[in-house]
Amino acid sequence: MANITVKNIPKPIYEKLKKQAAARHRSMNSEIIACLEKAVEPNRVTDNEILYQARLARKMAQKALNTEDIQDAIDKGRS
């Protein structure tokens, strides 16, 4: 495994990491690794999450959009 040294960590960030580590029963090192993993790993979305979001979007639409509605939305986005 590789080693890394991080210098000049602002005190508020250090304190937040320390509290998070304690709350999750982790060492500071483990908490920092978890934060780095979350930052560099792609955000994977499950099939169920995609389906849920699609159903939610459909429900929110409440009506079928026609060409005029779509053009109005495009025009509003351009102003």
N, C-alpha and C. Protein backbone atom coordinates (compact mmCIF):
# COMPACT_ATOMS: atom_id res chain seq x y z
N MET A 1 0.84 -1.18 0.00
CA MET A 1 0.00 0.00 0.00
C MET A 1 0.88 1.24 0.00
N ALA A 2 0.37 2.27 -0.64
CA ALA A 2 1.09 3.53 -0.70
C ALA A 2 0.79 4.36 0.55
N ASN A 3 1.69 5.27 0.84
CA ASN A 3 1.53 6.20 1.95
C ASN A 3 1.43 7.61 1.40
N ILE A 4 0.73 8.44 2.11
CA ILE A 4 0.58 9.83 1.72
C ILE A 4 0.58 10.69 2.97
N THR A 5 1.14 11.86 2.88
CA THR A 5 1.13 12.81 3.98
C THR A 5 0.39 14.05 3.51
N VAL A 6 -0.56 14.49 4.30
CA VAL A 6 -1.31 15.69 3.97
C VAL A 6 -0.93 16.76 4.99
N LYS A 7 -0.47 17.89 4.49
CA LYS A 7 -0.02 18.97 5.37
C LYS A 7 -0.99 20.13 5.30
N ASN A 8 -0.95 20.93 6.34
CA ASN A 8 -1.71 22.18 6.42
C ASN A 8 -3.22 21.99 6.27
N ILE A 9 -3.75 20.98 6.93
CA ILE A 9 -5.19 20.75 6.93
C ILE A 9 -5.82 21.84 7.79
N PRO A 10 -6.77 22.59 7.24
CA PRO A 10 -7.43 23.61 8.06
C PRO A 10 -8.10 22.98 9.28
N LYS A 11 -7.99 23.67 10.40
CA LYS A 11 -8.50 23.14 11.66
C LYS A 11 -9.98 22.75 11.58
N PRO A 12 -10.86 23.56 10.95
CA PRO A 12 -12.28 23.14 10.88
C PRO A 12 -12.48 21.81 10.14
N ILE A 13 -11.71 21.59 9.09
CA ILE A 13 -11.82 20.33 8.35
C ILE A 13 -11.31 19.18 9.20
N TYR A 14 -10.20 19.40 9.87
CA TYR A 14 -9.63 18.38 10.75
C TYR A 14 -10.64 18.00 11.84
N GLU A 15 -11.26 18.99 12.43
CA GLU A 15 -12.22 18.72 13.51
C GLU A 15 -13.44 17.96 12.99
N LYS A 16 -13.92 18.31 11.80
CA LYS A 16 -15.05 17.59 11.22
C LYS A 16 -14.68 16.14 10.94
N LEU A 17 -13.50 15.93 10.38
CA LEU A 17 -13.05 14.55 10.12
C LEU A 17 -12.94 13.75 11.41
N LYS A 18 -12.43 14.41 12.44
CA LYS A 18 -12.27 13.75 13.74
C LYS A 18 -13.63 13.34 14.31
N LYS A 19 -14.62 14.23 14.20
CA LYS A 19 -15.97 13.91 14.69
C LYS A 19 -16.62 12.81 13.87
N GLN A 20 -16.46 12.87 12.55
CA GLN A 20 -17.01 11.83 11.69
C GLN A 20 -16.39 10.48 12.00
N ALA A 21 -15.09 10.46 12.17
CA ALA A 21 -14.39 9.21 12.47
C ALA A 21 -14.91 8.62 13.78
N ALA A 22 -15.05 9.45 14.78
CA ALA A 22 -15.55 8.97 16.08
C ALA A 22 -16.98 8.45 15.97
N ALA A 23 -17.81 9.19 15.22
CA ALA A 23 -19.21 8.78 15.07
C ALA A 23 -19.34 7.45 14.33
N ARG A 24 -18.39 7.16 13.46
CA ARG A 24 -18.43 5.93 12.67
C ARG A 24 -17.51 4.85 13.23
N HIS A 25 -16.97 5.11 14.40
CA HIS A 25 -16.06 4.17 15.08
C HIS A 25 -14.89 3.77 14.18
N ARG A 26 -14.30 4.79 13.54
CA ARG A 26 -13.15 4.58 12.67
C ARG A 26 -11.97 5.39 13.18
N SER A 27 -10.80 4.96 12.77
CA SER A 27 -9.62 5.78 13.01
C SER A 27 -9.65 6.95 12.03
N MET A 28 -8.85 7.97 12.29
CA MET A 28 -8.76 9.09 11.36
C MET A 28 -8.30 8.59 10.00
N ASN A 29 -7.34 7.70 9.99
CA ASN A 29 -6.83 7.15 8.73
C ASN A 29 -7.94 6.46 7.93
N SER A 30 -8.72 5.63 8.61
CA SER A 30 -9.81 4.92 7.93
C SER A 30 -10.86 5.89 7.42
N GLU A 31 -11.15 6.93 8.19
CA GLU A 31 -12.14 7.92 7.76
C GLU A 31 -11.66 8.68 6.54
N ILE A 32 -10.40 9.05 6.52
CA ILE A 32 -9.83 9.76 5.38
C ILE A 32 -9.85 8.87 4.14
N ILE A 33 -9.52 7.60 4.29
CA ILE A 33 -9.56 6.67 3.15
C ILE A 33 -11.00 6.56 2.64
N ALA A 34 -11.97 6.46 3.54
CA ALA A 34 -13.38 6.37 3.13
C ALA A 34 -13.80 7.62 2.36
N CYS A 35 -13.38 8.78 2.83
CA CYS A 35 -13.70 10.04 2.14
C CYS A 35 -13.05 10.07 0.75
N LEU A 36 -11.81 9.63 0.66
CA LEU A 36 -11.13 9.61 -0.63
C LEU A 36 -11.79 8.63 -1.59
N GLU A 37 -12.18 7.47 -1.09
CA GLU A 37 -12.86 6.48 -1.94
C GLU A 37 -14.15 7.06 -2.50
N LYS A 38 -14.91 7.73 -1.65
CA LYS A 38 -16.16 8.32 -2.08
C LYS A 38 -15.93 9.41 -3.12
N ALA A 39 -14.84 10.15 -2.98
CA ALA A 39 -14.56 11.25 -3.90
C ALA A 39 -14.08 10.78 -5.26
N VAL A 40 -13.37 9.67 -5.32
CA VAL A 40 -12.77 9.25 -6.60
C VAL A 40 -13.51 8.12 -7.30
N GLU A 41 -14.39 7.41 -6.59
CA GLU A 41 -15.13 6.32 -7.21
C GLU A 41 -16.30 6.89 -8.00
N PRO A 42 -16.62 6.28 -9.12
CA PRO A 42 -17.79 6.76 -9.87
C PRO A 42 -19.05 6.53 -9.05
N ASN A 43 -20.00 7.42 -9.23
CA ASN A 43 -21.27 7.29 -8.52
C ASN A 43 -22.12 6.25 -9.25
N ARG A 44 -22.21 5.08 -8.69
CA ARG A 44 -22.95 3.99 -9.33
C ARG A 44 -24.42 4.06 -8.92
N VAL A 45 -25.28 3.98 -9.91
CA VAL A 45 -26.71 4.02 -9.67
C VAL A 45 -27.28 2.65 -10.03
N THR A 46 -28.08 2.12 -9.14
CA THR A 46 -28.67 0.80 -9.38
C THR A 46 -29.82 0.91 -10.37
N ASP A 47 -30.16 -0.21 -10.96
CA ASP A 47 -31.31 -0.27 -11.87
C ASP A 47 -32.59 0.17 -11.16
N ASN A 48 -32.72 -0.24 -9.91
CA ASN A 48 -33.91 0.12 -9.14
C ASN A 48 -33.99 1.63 -8.93
N GLU A 49 -32.85 2.28 -8.70
CA GLU A 49 -32.84 3.73 -8.52
C GLU A 49 -33.24 4.44 -9.81
N ILE A 50 -32.74 3.96 -10.94
CA ILE A 50 -33.10 4.54 -12.23
C ILE A 50 -34.61 4.40 -12.47
N LEU A 51 -35.13 3.21 -12.19
CA LEU A 51 -36.56 2.96 -12.36
C LEU A 51 -37.38 3.85 -11.44
N TYR A 52 -36.96 3.98 -10.20
CA TYR A 52 -37.65 4.84 -9.24
C TYR A 52 -37.68 6.28 -9.73
N GLN A 53 -36.54 6.79 -10.19
CA GLN A 53 -36.46 8.16 -10.68
C GLN A 53 -37.33 8.37 -11.92
N ALA A 54 -37.37 7.38 -12.81
CA ALA A 54 -38.21 7.47 -14.00
C ALA A 54 -39.69 7.52 -13.62
N ARG A 55 -40.09 6.68 -12.68
CA ARG A 55 -41.48 6.67 -12.24
C ARG A 55 -41.84 7.98 -11.55
N LEU A 56 -40.93 8.50 -10.77
CA LEU A 56 -41.15 9.78 -10.10
C LEU A 56 -41.30 10.91 -11.11
N ALA A 57 -40.45 10.93 -12.13
CA ALA A 57 -40.53 11.95 -13.17
C ALA A 57 -41.85 11.86 -13.92
N ARG A 58 -42.27 10.64 -14.22
CA ARG A 58 -43.54 10.44 -14.92
C ARG A 58 -44.71 10.96 -14.08
N LYS A 59 -44.66 10.66 -12.79
CA LYS A 59 -45.72 11.09 -11.89
C LYS A 59 -45.76 12.61 -11.78
N MET A 60 -44.59 13.24 -11.75
CA MET A 60 -44.51 14.69 -11.62
C MET A 60 -44.99 15.39 -12.89
N ALA A 61 -44.85 14.76 -14.02
CA ALA A 61 -45.26 15.37 -15.29
C ALA A 61 -46.77 15.57 -15.32
N GLN A 62 -47.52 14.67 -14.76
CA GLN A 62 -48.98 14.71 -14.61
C GLN A 62 -49.75 14.79 -15.92
N LYS A 63 -49.15 15.17 -16.99
CA LYS A 63 -49.86 15.21 -18.27
C LYS A 63 -48.85 15.00 -19.38
N ALA A 64 -49.36 14.59 -20.50
CA ALA A 64 -48.49 14.40 -21.66
C ALA A 64 -48.08 15.77 -22.20
N LEU A 65 -46.85 15.90 -22.58
CA LEU A 65 -46.37 17.15 -23.16
C LEU A 65 -46.59 17.12 -24.66
N ASN A 66 -47.03 18.25 -25.18
CA ASN A 66 -47.15 18.34 -26.62
C ASN A 66 -46.00 19.20 -27.15
N THR A 67 -45.93 19.35 -28.44
CA THR A 67 -44.83 20.09 -29.05
C THR A 67 -44.77 21.53 -28.55
N GLU A 68 -45.92 22.14 -28.37
CA GLU A 68 -45.97 23.53 -27.90
C GLU A 68 -45.41 23.66 -26.48
N ASP A 69 -45.77 22.72 -25.60
CA ASP A 69 -45.25 22.73 -24.23
C ASP A 69 -43.72 22.61 -24.23
N ILE A 70 -43.22 21.73 -25.05
CA ILE A 70 -41.78 21.50 -25.13
C ILE A 70 -41.08 22.75 -25.65
N GLN A 71 -41.64 23.38 -26.69
CA GLN A 71 -41.03 24.59 -27.24
C GLN A 71 -41.06 25.72 -26.23
N ASP A 72 -42.16 25.85 -25.48
CA ASP A 72 -42.25 26.88 -24.44
C ASP A 72 -41.17 26.68 -23.38
N ALA A 73 -40.95 25.43 -22.97
CA ALA A 73 -39.92 25.13 -21.98
C ALA A 73 -38.53 25.47 -22.52
N ILE A 74 -38.29 25.15 -23.77
CA ILE A 74 -37.00 25.47 -24.39
C ILE A 74 -36.80 26.98 -24.42
N ASP A 75 -37.85 27.71 -24.82
CA ASP A 75 -37.75 29.18 -24.90
C ASP A 75 -37.51 29.79 -23.52
N LYS A 76 -38.17 29.28 -22.50
CA LYS A 76 -37.96 29.79 -21.14
C LYS A 76 -36.52 29.55 -20.69
N GLY A 77 -35.97 28.41 -21.06
CA GLY A 77 -34.60 28.09 -20.68
C GLY A 77 -33.57 28.97 -21.35
N ARG A 78 -33.93 29.58 -22.47
CA ARG A 78 -33.00 30.42 -23.21
C ARG A 78 -33.02 31.86 -22.74
N SER A 79 -34.01 32.24 -21.98
CA SER A 79 -34.10 33.65 -21.57
C SER A 79 -33.37 33.93 -20.30
